[in-house]
Amino acid sequence: MVAEKQPKTGADSPDDIQRAVAAYAQSEKVKSGLIWTCQIADQVAAMEGPGYQQGVQLLTTLARLVAGESELAGRVTGDGRWHEIGENINMALVMIRSGVPRETGFHLTRAISRVTRIGGQAASILRERGLF
């Protein structure tokens, strides 16, 4: 009996499968963080007084953490689309710093859409290989 060797290049290479696994895992993590950030942004926008300033600090911290995860995903997967997601998150941070956290929704929603697309494509690759 001869064992099948894993292809070293092409769509079925272990590197492509590892990238798909990493892309899927990171997409789920980043997507969750973006959803949380959107929800907190809505809550902060409704705040007044000292609670507002504390909410802005929390929102800023969370958005930066999610941006860091997006940057990590780009490095791990080698996929340039993660850079675009980071740009959307950075625009949301600009809105937060400008005192209009309610306006972050547009930018964060675009990021969520892009992350969902990456995760869906990674899941398709894994499903085709019988790994998902």
C-alpha atoms as a PDB file:
ATOM      1  CA  MET A   1       0.000   0.000   0.000  1.00  0.00           C
ATOM      2  CA  VAL A   2       1.395   3.379  -1.039  1.00  0.00           C
ATOM      3  CA  ALA A   3       0.566   6.394   1.071  1.00  0.00           C
ATOM      4  CA  GLU A   4      -0.585   9.478  -0.790  1.00  0.00           C
ATOM      5  CA  LYS A   5       1.779  12.383  -0.520  1.00  0.00           C
ATOM      6  CA  GLN A   6       0.423  15.826   0.232  1.00  0.00           C
ATOM      7  CA  PRO A   7       0.928  18.174  -2.724  1.00  0.00           C
ATOM      8  CA  LYS A   8       3.493  20.870  -1.980  1.00  0.00           C
ATOM      9  CA  THR A   9       1.975  23.490  -4.274  1.00  0.00           C
ATOM     10  CA  GLY A  10      -1.391  24.303  -5.724  1.00  0.00           C
ATOM     11  CA  ALA A  11      -4.822  24.592  -4.179  1.00  0.00           C
ATOM     12  CA  ASP A  12      -4.468  21.439  -2.076  1.00  0.00           C
ATOM     13  CA  SER A  13      -1.097  22.282  -0.557  1.00  0.00           C
ATOM     14  CA  PRO A  14      -0.774  22.157   3.228  1.00  0.00           C
ATOM     15  CA  ASP A  15       0.177  25.853   3.184  1.00  0.00           C
ATOM     16  CA  ASP A  16      -3.105  26.799   1.493  1.00  0.00           C
ATOM     17  CA  ILE A  17      -5.080  24.707   3.949  1.00  0.00           C
ATOM     18  CA  GLN A  18      -3.220  26.253   6.892  1.00  0.00           C
ATOM     19  CA  ARG A  19      -3.926  29.735   5.525  1.00  0.00           C
ATOM     20  CA  ALA A  20      -7.603  28.862   5.135  1.00  0.00           C
ATOM     21  CA  VAL A  21      -7.764  27.607   8.723  1.00  0.00           C
ATOM     22  CA  ALA A  22      -6.026  30.755   9.968  1.00  0.00           C
ATOM     23  CA  ALA A  23      -8.252  33.005   7.852  1.00  0.00           C
ATOM     24  CA  TYR A  24     -11.398  31.317   9.115  1.00  0.00           C
ATOM     25  CA  ALA A  25     -10.329  31.430  12.770  1.00  0.00           C
ATOM     26  CA  GLN A  26      -9.230  35.058  12.571  1.00  0.00           C
ATOM     27  CA  SER A  27     -12.353  36.067  10.673  1.00  0.00           C
ATOM     28  CA  GLU A  28     -14.572  34.719  13.433  1.00  0.00           C
ATOM     29  CA  LYS A  29     -12.524  36.460  16.117  1.00  0.00           C
ATOM     30  CA  VAL A  30     -12.404  39.793  14.292  1.00  0.00           C
ATOM     31  CA  LYS A  31     -16.069  39.624  13.324  1.00  0.00           C
ATOM     32  CA  SER A  32     -17.074  39.100  16.958  1.00  0.00           C
ATOM     33  CA  GLY A  33     -14.908  42.019  18.031  1.00  0.00           C
ATOM     34  CA  LEU A  34     -16.408  44.258  15.364  1.00  0.00           C
ATOM     35  CA  ILE A  35     -19.951  43.380  16.430  1.00  0.00           C
ATOM     36  CA  TRP A  36     -19.100  44.167  20.053  1.00  0.00           C
ATOM     37  CA  THR A  37     -17.514  47.441  18.974  1.00  0.00           C
ATOM     38  CA  CYS A  38     -20.646  48.410  17.032  1.00  0.00           C
ATOM     39  CA  GLN A  39     -22.864  47.673  20.010  1.00  0.00           C
ATOM     40  CA  ILE A  40     -20.673  49.613  22.410  1.00  0.00           C
ATOM     41  CA  ALA A  41     -20.483  52.545  19.971  1.00  0.00           C
ATOM     42  CA  ASP A  42     -24.285  52.767  19.980  1.00  0.00           C
ATOM     43  CA  GLN A  43     -24.355  52.697  23.773  1.00  0.00           C
ATOM     44  CA  VAL A  44     -21.606  55.314  24.111  1.00  0.00           C
ATOM     45  CA  ALA A  45     -23.373  57.601  21.633  1.00  0.00           C
ATOM     46  CA  ALA A  46     -26.380  57.625  23.958  1.00  0.00           C
ATOM     47  CA  MET A  47     -24.322  58.511  27.060  1.00  0.00           C
ATOM     48  CA  GLU A  48     -23.780  61.912  28.636  1.00  0.00           C
ATOM     49  CA  GLY A  49     -21.416  63.374  31.197  1.00  0.00           C
ATOM     50  CA  PRO A  50     -18.474  61.507  32.734  1.00  0.00           C
ATOM     51  CA  GLY A  51     -19.857  58.151  31.620  1.00  0.00           C
ATOM     52  CA  TYR A  52     -19.491  59.292  28.030  1.00  0.00           C
ATOM     53  CA  GLN A  53     -15.748  59.914  28.404  1.00  0.00           C
ATOM     54  CA  GLN A  54     -15.230  56.527  30.041  1.00  0.00           C
ATOM     55  CA  GLY A  55     -17.307  54.904  27.323  1.00  0.00           C
ATOM     56  CA  VAL A  56     -15.187  56.560  24.638  1.00  0.00           C
ATOM     57  CA  GLN A  57     -12.036  55.235  26.303  1.00  0.00           C
ATOM     58  CA  LEU A  58     -13.481  51.715  26.411  1.00  0.00           C
ATOM     59  CA  LEU A  59     -14.653  51.953  22.808  1.00  0.00           C
ATOM     60  CA  THR A  60     -11.257  53.211  21.657  1.00  0.00           C
ATOM     61  CA  THR A  61      -9.449  50.403  23.460  1.00  0.00           C
ATOM     62  CA  LEU A  62     -11.726  47.745  22.011  1.00  0.00           C
ATOM     63  CA  ALA A  63     -11.451  49.134  18.479  1.00  0.00           C
ATOM     64  CA  ARG A  64      -7.650  49.166  18.757  1.00  0.00           C
ATOM     65  CA  LEU A  65      -7.621  45.556  19.975  1.00  0.00           C
ATOM     66  CA  VAL A  66      -9.773  44.467  17.037  1.00  0.00           C
ATOM     67  CA  ALA A  67      -7.549  46.439  14.645  1.00  0.00           C
ATOM     68  CA  GLY A  68      -4.544  44.573  16.079  1.00  0.00           C
ATOM     69  CA  GLU A  69      -6.249  41.228  15.463  1.00  0.00           C
ATOM     70  CA  SER A  70      -6.982  42.287  11.904  1.00  0.00           C
ATOM     71  CA  GLU A  71      -3.343  43.217  11.382  1.00  0.00           C
ATOM     72  CA  LEU A  72      -2.267  39.867  12.814  1.00  0.00           C
ATOM     73  CA  ALA A  73      -4.656  38.078  10.449  1.00  0.00           C
ATOM     74  CA  GLY A  74      -3.084  39.857   7.493  1.00  0.00           C
ATOM     75  CA  ARG A  75       0.389  38.802   8.571  1.00  0.00           C
ATOM     76  CA  VAL A  76      -0.595  35.196   9.266  1.00  0.00           C
ATOM     77  CA  THR A  77      -2.558  34.673   6.068  1.00  0.00           C
ATOM     78  CA  GLY A  78      -0.668  36.948   3.704  1.00  0.00           C
ATOM     79  CA  ASP A  79      -4.032  38.298   2.500  1.00  0.00           C
ATOM     80  CA  GLY A  80      -4.000  42.018   1.703  1.00  0.00           C
ATOM     81  CA  ARG A  81      -7.748  42.346   2.254  1.00  0.00           C
ATOM     82  CA  TRP A  82      -7.090  42.467   5.993  1.00  0.00           C
ATOM     83  CA  HIS A  83      -5.335  45.796   5.423  1.00  0.00           C
ATOM     84  CA  GLU A  84      -8.588  47.214   4.009  1.00  0.00           C
ATOM     85  CA  ILE A  85     -10.414  45.995   7.101  1.00  0.00           C
ATOM     86  CA  GLY A  86      -7.819  47.737   9.260  1.00  0.00           C
ATOM     87  CA  GLU A  87      -8.420  50.945   7.303  1.00  0.00           C
ATOM     88  CA  ASN A  88     -12.156  50.697   8.034  1.00  0.00           C
ATOM     89  CA  ILE A  89     -11.445  50.237  11.732  1.00  0.00           C
ATOM     90  CA  ASN A  90      -9.039  53.196  11.671  1.00  0.00           C
ATOM     91  CA  MET A  91     -11.764  55.362  10.126  1.00  0.00           C
ATOM     92  CA  ALA A  92     -14.073  54.280  12.936  1.00  0.00           C
ATOM     93  CA  LEU A  93     -11.359  55.333  15.406  1.00  0.00           C
ATOM     94  CA  VAL A  94     -11.227  58.747  13.707  1.00  0.00           C
ATOM     95  CA  MET A  95     -14.979  59.076  14.233  1.00  0.00           C
ATOM     96  CA  ILE A  96     -14.616  58.097  17.887  1.00  0.00           C
ATOM     97  CA  ARG A  97     -11.811  60.614  18.476  1.00  0.00           C
ATOM     98  CA  SER A  98     -13.817  63.289  16.645  1.00  0.00           C
ATOM     99  CA  GLY A  99     -16.613  62.920  19.170  1.00  0.00           C
ATOM    100  CA  VAL A 100     -19.108  61.214  16.881  1.00  0.00           C
ATOM    101  CA  PRO A 101     -19.085  57.539  17.916  1.00  0.00           C
ATOM    102  CA  ARG A 102     -22.502  57.105  16.312  1.00  0.00           C
ATOM    103  CA  GLU A 103     -20.837  57.536  12.902  1.00  0.00           C
ATOM    104  CA  THR A 104     -18.627  54.464  13.408  1.00  0.00           C
ATOM    105  CA  GLY A 105     -21.405  52.129  12.295  1.00  0.00           C
ATOM    106  CA  PHE A 106     -20.835  52.731   8.588  1.00  0.00           C
ATOM    107  CA  HIS A 107     -17.127  51.933   8.756  1.00  0.00           C
ATOM    108  CA  LEU A 108     -17.501  48.990  11.116  1.00  0.00           C
ATOM    109  CA  THR A 109     -20.293  47.502   9.001  1.00  0.00           C
ATOM    110  CA  ARG A 110     -18.051  47.648   5.926  1.00  0.00           C
ATOM    111  CA  ALA A 111     -15.346  45.884   7.927  1.00  0.00           C
ATOM    112  CA  ILE A 112     -17.807  43.211   9.095  1.00  0.00           C
ATOM    113  CA  SER A 113     -18.886  42.614   5.502  1.00  0.00           C
ATOM    114  CA  ARG A 114     -15.296  42.179   4.344  1.00  0.00           C
ATOM    115  CA  VAL A 115     -14.404  39.898   7.253  1.00  0.00           C
ATOM    116  CA  THR A 116     -17.495  37.775   6.579  1.00  0.00           C
ATOM    117  CA  ARG A 117     -16.456  37.423   2.932  1.00  0.00           C
ATOM    118  CA  ILE A 118     -12.952  36.262   3.912  1.00  0.00           C
ATOM    119  CA  GLY A 119     -14.352  33.791   6.442  1.00  0.00           C
ATOM    120  CA  GLY A 120     -16.851  32.444   3.923  1.00  0.00           C
ATOM    121  CA  GLN A 121     -14.190  31.894   1.295  1.00  0.00           C
ATOM    122  CA  ALA A 122     -11.943  30.142   3.823  1.00  0.00           C
ATOM    123  CA  ALA A 123     -14.837  27.940   4.953  1.00  0.00           C
ATOM    124  CA  SER A 124     -15.538  27.005   1.321  1.00  0.00           C
ATOM    125  CA  ILE A 125     -11.932  25.911   0.831  1.00  0.00           C
ATOM    126  CA  LEU A 126     -12.048  23.827   3.997  1.00  0.00           C
ATOM    127  CA  ARG A 127     -15.421  22.319   3.035  1.00  0.00           C
ATOM    128  CA  GLU A 128     -14.098  21.367  -0.426  1.00  0.00           C
ATOM    129  CA  ARG A 129     -11.190  19.564   1.227  1.00  0.00           C
ATOM    130  CA  GLY A 130     -13.520  17.731   3.602  1.00  0.00           C
ATOM    131  CA  LEU A 131     -12.055  19.507   6.618  1.00  0.00           C
ATOM    132  CA  PHE A 132     -15.092  21.512   7.605  1.00  0.00           C
END
